[in-house]
Protein backbone atom coordinates (compact mmCIF):
# COMPACT_ATOMS: atom_id res chain seq x y z
CA UNK A 1 92.22 50.96 32.37
CA UNK A 2 93.73 47.49 31.72
CA UNK A 3 97.12 47.27 30.04
CA UNK A 4 97.00 47.01 26.24
CA UNK A 5 98.56 44.05 24.39
CA UNK A 6 102.17 44.45 23.33
CA UNK A 7 103.21 44.71 19.67
CA UNK A 8 103.35 40.91 19.35
CA UNK A 9 99.77 40.43 20.55
CA UNK A 10 100.72 39.16 24.03
CA UNK A 11 98.73 40.61 26.90
CA UNK A 12 100.79 43.42 28.40
CA UNK A 13 101.59 43.22 32.07
CA UNK A 14 100.23 46.13 34.08
CA UNK A 15 102.77 48.35 35.80
CA UNK A 16 102.54 47.41 39.48
CA UNK A 17 103.82 49.74 42.21
CA UNK A 18 105.77 48.47 45.23
CA UNK A 19 102.69 48.72 47.48
CA UNK A 20 100.58 46.93 44.86
CA UNK A 21 103.20 44.13 44.70
CA UNK A 22 102.62 43.58 48.43
CA UNK A 23 98.90 43.07 47.83
CA UNK A 24 99.47 40.92 44.73
CA UNK A 25 101.82 38.62 46.66
CA UNK A 26 99.06 37.99 49.20
CA UNK A 27 96.55 37.24 46.44
CA UNK A 28 98.96 35.01 44.50
CA UNK A 29 99.59 33.07 47.72
CA UNK A 30 95.96 32.86 48.85
CA UNK A 31 94.17 32.74 45.50
CA UNK A 32 90.67 34.19 45.57
CA UNK A 33 90.19 36.47 48.58
CA UNK A 34 87.98 39.22 49.91
CA UNK A 35 89.20 42.64 50.98
CA UNK A 36 88.84 41.51 54.61
CA UNK A 37 91.04 38.45 53.92
CA UNK A 38 93.80 40.62 52.49
CA UNK A 39 93.55 43.18 55.30
CA UNK A 40 93.83 40.39 57.92
CA UNK A 41 96.80 38.87 56.11
CA UNK A 42 98.67 42.18 56.06
CA UNK A 43 97.68 43.28 59.60
CA UNK A 44 100.65 41.74 61.36
CA UNK A 45 103.15 42.91 58.75
CA UNK A 46 102.12 46.44 57.84
CA UNK A 47 100.36 49.31 59.52
CA UNK A 48 98.05 50.00 56.58
CA UNK A 49 94.49 51.05 57.17
CA UNK A 50 91.80 48.94 55.47
CA UNK A 51 91.08 51.92 53.18
CA UNK A 52 94.68 51.80 51.91
CA UNK A 53 94.34 48.12 51.00
CA UNK A 54 90.96 48.85 49.42
CA UNK A 55 92.50 51.60 47.27
CA UNK A 56 95.35 49.33 46.17
CA UNK A 57 92.92 46.54 45.26
CA UNK A 58 90.75 48.99 43.32
CA UNK A 59 93.78 50.25 41.36
CA UNK A 60 94.92 46.69 40.64
CA UNK A 61 91.42 45.82 39.41
CA UNK A 62 91.35 48.90 37.17
CA UNK A 63 94.75 47.93 35.73
CA UNK A 64 93.47 44.43 34.93
CA UNK A 65 95.76 42.70 37.44
CA UNK A 66 92.80 41.42 39.48
CA UNK A 67 89.52 39.87 38.43
CA UNK A 68 86.51 40.84 40.55
CA UNK A 69 83.52 38.62 41.32
CA UNK A 70 80.49 39.71 43.31
CA UNK A 71 79.57 37.11 45.96
CA UNK A 72 76.50 38.30 47.82
CA UNK A 73 77.48 41.51 49.57
CA UNK A 74 81.22 40.90 49.16
CA UNK A 75 83.66 41.26 46.32
CA UNK A 76 86.09 38.41 45.72
CA UNK A 77 89.40 39.19 44.05
CA UNK A 78 91.48 36.76 42.03
CA UNK A 79 94.82 37.43 40.33
CA UNK A 80 94.23 37.95 36.60
CA UNK A 81 97.95 37.94 35.82
CA UNK A 82 100.49 35.19 36.37
CA UNK A 83 103.04 35.83 39.12
CA UNK A 84 106.01 34.43 37.21
CA UNK A 85 105.08 36.45 34.10
CA UNK A 86 104.86 39.64 36.18
CA UNK A 87 108.20 38.87 37.81
CA UNK A 88 109.80 38.28 34.41
CA UNK A 89 108.43 41.53 32.98
CA UNK A 90 109.46 43.48 36.07
CA UNK A 91 112.96 41.95 35.87
CA UNK A 92 113.26 42.85 32.20
CA UNK A 93 112.10 46.39 32.88
CA UNK A 94 114.59 46.76 35.73
CA UNK A 95 117.48 45.39 33.67
CA UNK A 96 116.61 47.70 30.78
CA UNK A 97 116.27 50.82 32.96
CA UNK A 98 119.25 50.27 35.23
CA UNK A 99 121.69 48.09 33.26
CA UNK A 100 120.78 48.88 29.62
CA UNK A 101 119.32 45.40 29.30
CA UNK A 102 122.57 43.66 30.21
CA UNK A 103 122.49 40.82 32.72
CA UNK A 104 126.26 40.47 33.31
CA UNK A 105 126.83 43.84 35.09
CA UNK A 106 123.81 43.18 37.29
CA UNK A 107 124.97 39.71 38.36
CA UNK A 108 128.57 40.90 38.73
CA UNK A 109 127.53 43.75 41.02
CA UNK A 110 125.47 41.42 43.21
CA UNK A 111 128.13 38.73 43.41
CA UNK A 112 130.82 41.25 44.37
CA UNK A 113 128.73 42.83 47.14
CA UNK A 114 126.46 40.07 48.45
CA UNK A 115 127.21 36.74 50.05
CA UNK A 116 126.29 33.90 47.69
CA UNK A 117 125.59 30.45 49.13
CA UNK A 118 127.10 27.27 47.73
CA UNK A 119 123.57 26.12 46.84
CA UNK A 120 122.96 29.31 44.85
CA UNK A 121 126.30 28.93 43.08
CA UNK A 122 125.47 25.33 42.16
CA UNK A 123 122.04 26.39 40.86
CA UNK A 124 123.62 29.19 38.82
CA UNK A 125 126.17 26.77 37.32
CA UNK A 126 123.33 24.45 36.31
CA UNK A 127 121.37 27.33 34.74
CA UNK A 128 124.45 28.45 32.82
CA UNK A 129 125.10 24.90 31.59
CA UNK A 130 121.48 24.62 30.39
CA UNK A 131 121.64 28.00 28.65
CA UNK A 132 124.92 27.04 27.00
CA UNK A 133 123.41 23.77 25.81
CA UNK A 134 120.40 25.60 24.29
CA UNK A 135 122.63 28.07 22.40
CA UNK A 136 124.69 25.25 20.84
CA UNK A 137 121.61 23.85 19.09
């Protein structure tokens, strides 16, 4: 069953499992694909049987994450949800569940335990400057 709209009328993002994210990444990268296309793409990376990929695609279709088109004897699958929107919703959900919706403890924990490149630091400074500019308006 596809996800229902949220309380503001926006289409709700379906909850996507870790395995389903793997399939969605392939489809976001490739665009419209058949089951065989996805299986071939994942062959070198994972040891999933074609039936596993088929089950994941079926679940994603049922959730409304994939649109299905019949092309002759094949089904063609196209992402029905935007990758960046799914990433944003997943990030929000994670922050809410793990950090009570607070960004600072999350970033602090990462920065204290992970190596951060100079390029990433420069990009973060720019993002902070833009956010600060928007809040002054």
